[in-house]
């Protein structure tokens, strides 16, 4: 069985064949590589709560017009409001 190298002289990875896939082994067979296995996200200091909220359409349209990240922007605005009104946040 003559196996082709996965990487050519230019450093490009060739297309994998069905034979390549047959020879693959799961990462669990390599204990020294377990640090590469993705685990759950670390807990956030201030985790977010998923909820349903109804807002006026003019408010939603305003934030959506700013493009991607509009929900994060709403959160930031509300966060600043809470900070200005209370000592609830650390």
C-alpha atoms as a PDB file:
ATOM      1  CA  UNK A   1       0.000   0.000   0.000  1.00  0.00           C
ATOM      2  CA  UNK A   2       1.649   3.223  -1.187  1.00  0.00           C
ATOM      3  CA  UNK A   3       0.267   6.197   0.734  1.00  0.00           C
ATOM      4  CA  UNK A   4       0.505   9.657  -0.729  1.00  0.00           C
ATOM      5  CA  UNK A   5       1.647  12.461   1.574  1.00  0.00           C
ATOM      6  CA  UNK A   6      -1.211  14.690   2.676  1.00  0.00           C
ATOM      7  CA  UNK A   7       0.792  17.837   1.968  1.00  0.00           C
ATOM      8  CA  UNK A   8       2.659  18.615  -1.247  1.00  0.00           C
ATOM      9  CA  UNK A   9       6.000  20.441  -1.641  1.00  0.00           C
ATOM     10  CA  UNK A  10       4.201  23.805  -1.659  1.00  0.00           C
ATOM     11  CA  UNK A  11       2.480  23.053   1.668  1.00  0.00           C
ATOM     12  CA  UNK A  12      -0.927  22.537   0.073  1.00  0.00           C
ATOM     13  CA  UNK A  13      -3.154  19.786   1.456  1.00  0.00           C
ATOM     14  CA  UNK A  14      -4.396  17.426  -1.218  1.00  0.00           C
ATOM     15  CA  UNK A  15      -7.986  16.237  -1.506  1.00  0.00           C
ATOM     16  CA  UNK A  16      -8.633  13.330   0.849  1.00  0.00           C
ATOM     17  CA  UNK A  17      -9.571   9.991  -0.650  1.00  0.00           C
ATOM     18  CA  UNK A  18     -11.887   7.301   0.683  1.00  0.00           C
ATOM     19  CA  UNK A  19      -8.756   5.361   1.673  1.00  0.00           C
ATOM     20  CA  UNK A  20      -7.570   8.328   3.746  1.00  0.00           C
ATOM     21  CA  UNK A  21     -10.895   8.380   5.576  1.00  0.00           C
ATOM     22  CA  UNK A  22     -10.728   4.629   6.225  1.00  0.00           C
ATOM     23  CA  UNK A  23      -7.333   5.049   7.925  1.00  0.00           C
ATOM     24  CA  UNK A  24      -8.492   7.878  10.189  1.00  0.00           C
ATOM     25  CA  UNK A  25      -8.804   7.210  13.911  1.00  0.00           C
ATOM     26  CA  UNK A  26     -10.795   9.169  16.507  1.00  0.00           C
ATOM     27  CA  UNK A  27      -8.975  11.698  18.654  1.00  0.00           C
ATOM     28  CA  UNK A  28      -9.975   9.661  21.710  1.00  0.00           C
ATOM     29  CA  UNK A  29      -7.245   7.176  20.688  1.00  0.00           C
ATOM     30  CA  UNK A  30      -4.646   9.899  21.268  1.00  0.00           C
ATOM     31  CA  UNK A  31      -4.690  10.813  24.988  1.00  0.00           C
ATOM     32  CA  UNK A  32      -1.875  13.314  24.481  1.00  0.00           C
ATOM     33  CA  UNK A  33      -4.179  15.345  22.201  1.00  0.00           C
ATOM     34  CA  UNK A  34      -7.208  15.494  24.505  1.00  0.00           C
ATOM     35  CA  UNK A  35      -6.459  19.151  25.224  1.00  0.00           C
ATOM     36  CA  UNK A  36      -7.598  19.846  21.660  1.00  0.00           C
ATOM     37  CA  UNK A  37     -11.088  18.490  22.288  1.00  0.00           C
ATOM     38  CA  UNK A  38     -13.524  21.370  22.606  1.00  0.00           C
ATOM     39  CA  UNK A  39     -15.276  21.459  25.907  1.00  0.00           C
ATOM     40  CA  UNK A  40     -18.154  23.582  27.162  1.00  0.00           C
ATOM     41  CA  UNK A  41     -17.633  27.306  27.261  1.00  0.00           C
ATOM     42  CA  UNK A  42     -16.262  28.629  30.519  1.00  0.00           C
ATOM     43  CA  UNK A  43     -18.950  30.197  32.694  1.00  0.00           C
ATOM     44  CA  UNK A  44     -19.387  33.907  32.098  1.00  0.00           C
ATOM     45  CA  UNK A  45     -19.025  36.348  34.951  1.00  0.00           C
ATOM     46  CA  UNK A  46     -22.399  37.857  34.048  1.00  0.00           C
ATOM     47  CA  UNK A  47     -24.321  35.262  32.024  1.00  0.00           C
ATOM     48  CA  UNK A  48     -27.106  36.440  29.775  1.00  0.00           C
ATOM     49  CA  UNK A  49     -30.721  35.371  30.194  1.00  0.00           C
ATOM     50  CA  UNK A  50     -32.692  34.363  27.137  1.00  0.00           C
ATOM     51  CA  UNK A  51     -36.165  35.859  27.116  1.00  0.00           C
ATOM     52  CA  UNK A  52     -38.962  37.117  24.930  1.00  0.00           C
ATOM     53  CA  UNK A  53     -39.661  40.833  25.040  1.00  0.00           C
ATOM     54  CA  UNK A  54     -42.012  43.028  23.080  1.00  0.00           C
ATOM     55  CA  UNK A  55     -40.657  46.385  21.919  1.00  0.00           C
ATOM     56  CA  UNK A  56     -42.193  49.088  19.801  1.00  0.00           C
ATOM     57  CA  UNK A  57     -41.425  48.487  16.145  1.00  0.00           C
ATOM     58  CA  UNK A  58     -39.824  51.937  15.842  1.00  0.00           C
ATOM     59  CA  UNK A  59     -37.292  50.905  18.508  1.00  0.00           C
ATOM     60  CA  UNK A  60     -36.532  47.576  16.835  1.00  0.00           C
ATOM     61  CA  UNK A  61     -36.270  49.189  13.388  1.00  0.00           C
ATOM     62  CA  UNK A  62     -33.875  51.814  14.757  1.00  0.00           C
ATOM     63  CA  UNK A  63     -31.473  49.218  16.153  1.00  0.00           C
ATOM     64  CA  UNK A  64     -31.805  46.825  13.206  1.00  0.00           C
ATOM     65  CA  UNK A  65     -30.859  49.689  10.880  1.00  0.00           C
ATOM     66  CA  UNK A  66     -27.431  49.685  12.526  1.00  0.00           C
ATOM     67  CA  UNK A  67     -26.826  46.207  11.102  1.00  0.00           C
ATOM     68  CA  UNK A  68     -25.301  43.142  12.668  1.00  0.00           C
ATOM     69  CA  UNK A  69     -25.034  43.230  16.442  1.00  0.00           C
ATOM     70  CA  UNK A  70     -28.213  45.212  16.969  1.00  0.00           C
ATOM     71  CA  UNK A  71     -29.322  43.002  19.876  1.00  0.00           C
ATOM     72  CA  UNK A  72     -25.964  43.482  21.582  1.00  0.00           C
ATOM     73  CA  UNK A  73     -26.372  47.211  21.096  1.00  0.00           C
ATOM     74  CA  UNK A  74     -29.793  47.130  22.804  1.00  0.00           C
ATOM     75  CA  UNK A  75     -28.197  45.236  25.697  1.00  0.00           C
ATOM     76  CA  UNK A  76     -25.434  47.861  25.974  1.00  0.00           C
ATOM     77  CA  UNK A  77     -27.969  50.717  26.029  1.00  0.00           C
ATOM     78  CA  UNK A  78     -30.013  48.994  28.731  1.00  0.00           C
ATOM     79  CA  UNK A  79     -26.853  48.201  30.686  1.00  0.00           C
ATOM     80  CA  UNK A  80     -25.847  51.885  30.707  1.00  0.00           C
ATOM     81  CA  UNK A  81     -29.341  52.843  31.821  1.00  0.00           C
ATOM     82  CA  UNK A  82     -29.248  50.407  34.736  1.00  0.00           C
ATOM     83  CA  UNK A  83     -25.781  51.660  35.739  1.00  0.00           C
ATOM     84  CA  UNK A  84     -27.019  55.249  35.726  1.00  0.00           C
ATOM     85  CA  UNK A  85     -30.072  54.465  37.860  1.00  0.00           C
ATOM     86  CA  UNK A  86     -28.804  52.034  40.456  1.00  0.00           C
ATOM     87  CA  UNK A  87     -26.060  50.043  42.088  1.00  0.00           C
ATOM     88  CA  UNK A  88     -27.426  46.690  40.854  1.00  0.00           C
ATOM     89  CA  UNK A  89     -24.401  45.928  38.719  1.00  0.00           C
ATOM     90  CA  UNK A  90     -20.947  45.202  40.114  1.00  0.00           C
END
